[in-house]
N, C-alpha and C. Protein backbone atom coordinates (compact mmCIF):
# COMPACT_ATOMS: atom_id res chain seq x y z
N ARG A 1 52.15 67.28 72.07
CA ARG A 1 52.84 68.40 72.03
C ARG A 1 53.35 68.72 73.46
N THR A 2 54.61 69.18 73.63
CA THR A 2 55.16 69.38 74.97
C THR A 2 55.19 70.90 75.27
N PRO A 3 55.03 71.29 76.50
CA PRO A 3 55.15 72.63 76.83
C PRO A 3 56.60 73.08 76.84
N ASN A 4 57.06 73.65 75.71
CA ASN A 4 58.48 73.83 75.56
C ASN A 4 59.21 74.63 76.64
N PRO A 5 58.67 75.76 77.09
CA PRO A 5 59.43 76.49 78.12
C PRO A 5 59.57 75.72 79.41
N VAL A 6 58.52 75.04 79.78
CA VAL A 6 58.52 74.18 81.10
C VAL A 6 59.48 73.00 80.88
N PHE A 7 59.39 72.35 79.79
CA PHE A 7 60.25 71.19 79.47
C PHE A 7 61.68 71.66 79.40
N ALA A 8 62.02 72.70 78.68
CA ALA A 8 63.35 73.19 78.55
C ALA A 8 63.96 73.54 79.96
N GLN A 9 63.12 74.13 80.73
CA GLN A 9 63.61 74.50 82.20
C GLN A 9 63.91 73.23 82.93
N LEU A 10 63.03 72.18 82.82
CA LEU A 10 63.40 70.94 83.48
C LEU A 10 64.69 70.32 83.05
N VAL A 11 64.89 70.39 81.73
CA VAL A 11 66.15 69.87 81.12
C VAL A 11 67.31 70.65 81.66
N ARG A 12 67.20 71.88 81.62
CA ARG A 12 68.28 72.79 82.14
C ARG A 12 68.60 72.57 83.65
N ASP A 13 67.54 72.25 84.39
CA ASP A 13 67.76 72.10 85.77
C ASP A 13 67.94 70.62 86.24
N LEU A 14 68.29 69.78 85.28
CA LEU A 14 68.47 68.38 85.64
C LEU A 14 69.55 68.18 86.57
N ASP A 15 70.57 68.92 86.53
CA ASP A 15 71.73 68.72 87.54
C ASP A 15 71.30 69.18 88.94
N LEU A 16 70.17 69.84 89.07
CA LEU A 16 69.72 70.32 90.44
C LEU A 16 68.72 69.25 91.01
N ILE A 17 68.23 68.32 90.11
CA ILE A 17 67.23 67.40 90.59
C ILE A 17 67.98 66.19 91.10
N ARG A 18 67.81 65.89 92.46
CA ARG A 18 68.55 64.91 93.14
C ARG A 18 67.65 63.70 93.36
N VAL A 19 66.42 63.82 93.44
CA VAL A 19 65.56 62.63 93.69
C VAL A 19 65.48 61.69 92.50
N THR A 20 65.85 60.39 92.74
CA THR A 20 66.08 59.48 91.64
C THR A 20 64.95 59.38 90.75
N THR A 21 63.74 59.25 91.33
CA THR A 21 62.44 59.06 90.51
C THR A 21 62.25 60.31 89.68
N ALA A 22 62.46 61.52 90.20
CA ALA A 22 62.30 62.73 89.49
C ALA A 22 63.28 62.83 88.31
N ARG A 23 64.52 62.47 88.63
CA ARG A 23 65.61 62.58 87.52
C ARG A 23 65.20 61.58 86.45
N SER A 24 64.72 60.38 86.84
CA SER A 24 64.38 59.37 85.85
C SER A 24 63.20 59.77 84.93
N VAL A 25 62.28 60.44 85.60
CA VAL A 25 61.13 60.93 84.72
C VAL A 25 61.52 62.09 83.80
N VAL A 26 62.37 63.05 84.21
CA VAL A 26 62.88 64.05 83.32
C VAL A 26 63.65 63.41 82.13
N ILE A 27 64.50 62.45 82.53
CA ILE A 27 65.30 61.78 81.48
C ILE A 27 64.41 60.96 80.52
N TRP A 28 63.35 60.35 81.07
CA TRP A 28 62.37 59.67 80.25
C TRP A 28 61.70 60.68 79.26
N MET A 29 61.43 61.81 79.85
CA MET A 29 60.72 62.90 78.99
C MET A 29 61.59 63.35 77.86
N ILE A 30 62.94 63.43 78.09
CA ILE A 30 63.89 63.79 77.10
C ILE A 30 63.79 62.89 75.92
N GLY A 31 63.80 61.54 76.23
CA GLY A 31 63.81 60.53 75.23
C GLY A 31 62.45 60.51 74.51
N GLU A 32 61.42 60.69 75.30
CA GLU A 32 60.00 60.70 74.67
C GLU A 32 59.74 61.80 73.67
N TYR A 33 60.11 63.06 74.22
CA TYR A 33 59.76 64.25 73.43
C TYR A 33 60.94 64.89 72.72
N GLY A 34 62.14 64.36 72.90
CA GLY A 34 63.28 64.97 72.34
C GLY A 34 63.26 65.14 70.84
N SER A 35 62.67 64.27 70.16
CA SER A 35 62.60 64.35 68.70
C SER A 35 61.41 65.14 68.24
N LYS A 36 60.49 65.49 69.11
CA LYS A 36 59.26 66.13 68.69
C LYS A 36 59.35 67.68 68.98
N SER A 37 60.31 68.06 69.74
CA SER A 37 60.38 69.48 70.12
C SER A 37 61.70 70.05 69.57
N GLY A 38 61.59 71.01 68.71
CA GLY A 38 62.74 71.70 68.11
C GLY A 38 63.74 72.24 69.05
N LEU A 39 63.17 72.81 70.20
CA LEU A 39 63.99 73.44 71.27
C LEU A 39 64.84 72.32 71.92
N ILE A 40 64.30 71.10 72.09
CA ILE A 40 64.95 70.01 72.83
C ILE A 40 66.06 69.47 71.86
N LYS A 41 65.72 69.39 70.59
CA LYS A 41 66.77 68.96 69.66
C LYS A 41 68.06 69.74 69.75
N ASP A 42 67.89 71.04 69.98
CA ASP A 42 69.09 71.89 70.05
C ASP A 42 69.89 71.58 71.33
N LEU A 43 69.14 71.18 72.43
CA LEU A 43 69.73 70.74 73.71
C LEU A 43 70.37 69.37 73.84
N LEU A 44 69.88 68.45 72.93
CA LEU A 44 70.25 67.04 73.06
C LEU A 44 71.80 66.83 73.14
N PRO A 45 72.58 67.35 72.31
CA PRO A 45 74.01 67.07 72.41
C PRO A 45 74.53 67.39 73.81
N ALA A 46 74.20 68.55 74.29
CA ALA A 46 74.66 68.98 75.70
C ALA A 46 74.12 68.12 76.70
N VAL A 47 72.81 67.71 76.64
CA VAL A 47 72.21 66.80 77.65
C VAL A 47 72.84 65.48 77.57
N PHE A 48 73.08 64.92 76.35
CA PHE A 48 73.79 63.63 76.26
C PHE A 48 75.19 63.63 76.88
N SER A 49 75.91 64.66 76.63
CA SER A 49 77.21 64.83 77.20
C SER A 49 77.18 64.86 78.74
N TYR A 50 76.10 65.59 79.27
CA TYR A 50 75.97 65.67 80.72
C TYR A 50 75.58 64.33 81.30
N LEU A 51 74.67 63.60 80.64
CA LEU A 51 74.26 62.33 81.16
C LEU A 51 75.42 61.31 81.15
N ALA A 52 76.15 61.35 79.99
CA ALA A 52 77.33 60.42 79.89
C ALA A 52 78.33 60.68 81.06
N ALA A 53 78.56 61.98 81.41
CA ALA A 53 79.50 62.29 82.44
C ALA A 53 78.97 61.84 83.79
N CYS A 54 77.71 61.89 83.93
CA CYS A 54 77.09 61.50 85.23
C CYS A 54 76.71 59.98 85.43
N PHE A 55 76.78 59.28 84.35
CA PHE A 55 76.29 57.89 84.23
C PHE A 55 76.76 56.96 85.39
N MET A 56 78.09 57.03 85.69
CA MET A 56 78.55 56.04 86.72
C MET A 56 78.08 56.44 88.10
N ASN A 57 77.66 57.62 88.37
CA ASN A 57 77.21 57.98 89.70
C ASN A 57 75.68 57.96 89.84
N GLU A 58 74.99 57.62 88.77
CA GLU A 58 73.57 57.64 88.81
C GLU A 58 73.05 56.33 89.51
N GLU A 59 71.83 56.35 90.04
CA GLU A 59 71.09 55.24 90.59
C GLU A 59 70.70 54.32 89.42
N VAL A 60 70.44 53.10 89.66
CA VAL A 60 70.11 52.16 88.56
C VAL A 60 68.94 52.57 87.78
N GLU A 61 67.86 53.06 88.43
CA GLU A 61 66.72 53.54 87.77
C GLU A 61 67.05 54.65 86.79
N SER A 62 67.82 55.59 87.17
CA SER A 62 68.29 56.66 86.23
C SER A 62 69.12 56.12 85.14
N LYS A 63 70.07 55.14 85.43
CA LYS A 63 70.86 54.55 84.41
C LYS A 63 69.98 53.92 83.21
N LEU A 64 69.02 53.17 83.73
CA LEU A 64 68.16 52.52 82.73
C LEU A 64 67.46 53.57 81.81
N GLN A 65 66.89 54.66 82.51
CA GLN A 65 66.31 55.73 81.67
C GLN A 65 67.23 56.41 80.73
N ILE A 66 68.51 56.65 81.19
CA ILE A 66 69.53 57.24 80.30
C ILE A 66 69.71 56.33 78.98
N LEU A 67 69.95 55.00 79.17
CA LEU A 67 70.05 54.12 78.08
C LEU A 67 68.81 54.15 77.19
N ASN A 68 67.65 54.01 77.87
CA ASN A 68 66.41 54.10 77.10
C ASN A 68 66.23 55.39 76.33
N CYS A 69 66.53 56.54 76.94
CA CYS A 69 66.45 57.90 76.31
C CYS A 69 67.34 57.90 75.02
N ILE A 70 68.65 57.61 75.22
CA ILE A 70 69.60 57.58 74.16
C ILE A 70 69.18 56.65 73.00
N SER A 71 68.74 55.48 73.35
CA SER A 71 68.25 54.57 72.37
C SER A 71 67.15 55.06 71.57
N LYS A 72 66.13 55.59 72.18
CA LYS A 72 64.94 56.17 71.52
C LYS A 72 65.42 57.29 70.54
N VAL A 73 66.23 58.13 71.02
CA VAL A 73 66.55 59.27 70.15
C VAL A 73 67.36 58.80 68.89
N ILE A 74 68.27 57.88 69.17
CA ILE A 74 69.13 57.30 68.08
C ILE A 74 68.21 56.68 67.01
N ILE A 75 67.18 55.82 67.52
CA ILE A 75 66.40 55.09 66.61
C ILE A 75 65.48 56.04 65.83
N LEU A 76 64.98 57.09 66.54
CA LEU A 76 64.17 58.05 65.79
C LEU A 76 64.96 58.87 64.80
N PHE A 77 66.13 59.14 65.10
CA PHE A 77 66.92 59.99 64.14
C PHE A 77 67.48 59.26 63.04
N TYR A 78 67.97 57.97 63.25
CA TYR A 78 68.63 57.15 62.30
C TYR A 78 67.83 56.07 61.69
N GLY A 79 66.63 55.78 62.25
CA GLY A 79 65.80 54.69 61.72
C GLY A 79 66.19 53.38 62.39
N LEU A 80 65.21 52.60 62.55
CA LEU A 80 65.32 51.26 63.32
C LEU A 80 66.15 50.31 62.46
N VAL A 81 65.99 50.28 61.16
CA VAL A 81 66.70 49.26 60.31
C VAL A 81 68.24 49.60 60.40
N HIS A 82 68.58 50.85 60.20
CA HIS A 82 69.94 51.31 60.27
C HIS A 82 70.64 50.99 61.67
N VAL A 83 69.97 51.25 62.70
CA VAL A 83 70.43 50.99 64.00
C VAL A 83 70.68 49.45 64.22
N PHE A 84 69.71 48.61 63.77
CA PHE A 84 69.88 47.20 63.93
C PHE A 84 70.96 46.67 63.15
N GLY A 85 71.19 47.18 61.91
CA GLY A 85 72.26 46.79 61.06
C GLY A 85 73.63 47.07 61.80
N ILE A 86 73.74 48.28 62.25
CA ILE A 86 74.97 48.64 63.03
C ILE A 86 75.16 47.70 64.20
N LEU A 87 74.10 47.49 64.98
CA LEU A 87 74.15 46.59 66.19
C LEU A 87 74.67 45.19 65.75
N ILE A 88 74.07 44.72 64.72
CA ILE A 88 74.50 43.36 64.31
C ILE A 88 75.99 43.38 63.99
N LEU A 89 76.45 44.32 63.22
CA LEU A 89 77.80 44.37 62.79
C LEU A 89 78.74 44.55 64.06
N HIS A 90 78.36 45.27 65.08
CA HIS A 90 79.17 45.44 66.21
C HIS A 90 79.14 44.15 67.00
N THR A 91 78.05 43.52 67.10
CA THR A 91 77.93 42.18 67.82
C THR A 91 78.86 41.17 67.12
N LEU A 92 78.79 41.06 65.80
CA LEU A 92 79.66 40.16 65.04
C LEU A 92 81.13 40.43 65.29
N HIS A 93 81.50 41.76 65.34
CA HIS A 93 82.81 42.13 65.51
C HIS A 93 83.34 41.79 66.93
N PHE A 94 82.45 41.99 67.92
CA PHE A 94 82.73 41.56 69.27
C PHE A 94 82.94 40.02 69.41
N ILE A 95 82.12 39.34 68.80
CA ILE A 95 82.23 37.87 68.87
C ILE A 95 83.54 37.39 68.16
N CYS A 96 83.89 37.94 67.08
CA CYS A 96 85.09 37.58 66.34
C CYS A 96 86.39 37.89 67.22
N ILE A 97 86.28 38.93 67.90
CA ILE A 97 87.47 39.35 68.71
C ILE A 97 87.49 38.60 70.08
N HIS A 98 86.41 38.35 70.69
CA HIS A 98 86.35 37.87 72.10
C HIS A 98 86.00 36.39 72.27
N VAL A 99 85.62 35.74 71.27
CA VAL A 99 85.09 34.32 71.36
C VAL A 99 86.02 33.60 70.44
N SER A 100 86.67 32.58 71.08
CA SER A 100 87.45 31.67 70.19
C SER A 100 86.65 30.49 69.70
N VAL A 101 86.63 30.35 68.46
CA VAL A 101 85.75 29.31 67.90
C VAL A 101 86.58 28.09 67.45
């Protein structure tokens, strides 16, 4: 169980956190606890929009945590089998378009 008020404050203040390791930890926490906390579920769309907008300017450590965070939440909400099915279809589509056989 997460301390909702503290966690929510960390999420809201993410744009103020400039130390790469600290940002990465908060982003990891979002992915880890995002599906378990009702308060955070309400914030996820705004957080993901913010992370997408900042992605190119992030350090590698934070970029990896952003990808990890979004992957965790998608898998938890949609289920692993559904996500893998979509991934396989997109991979096959990419291969058909970009690889000459």
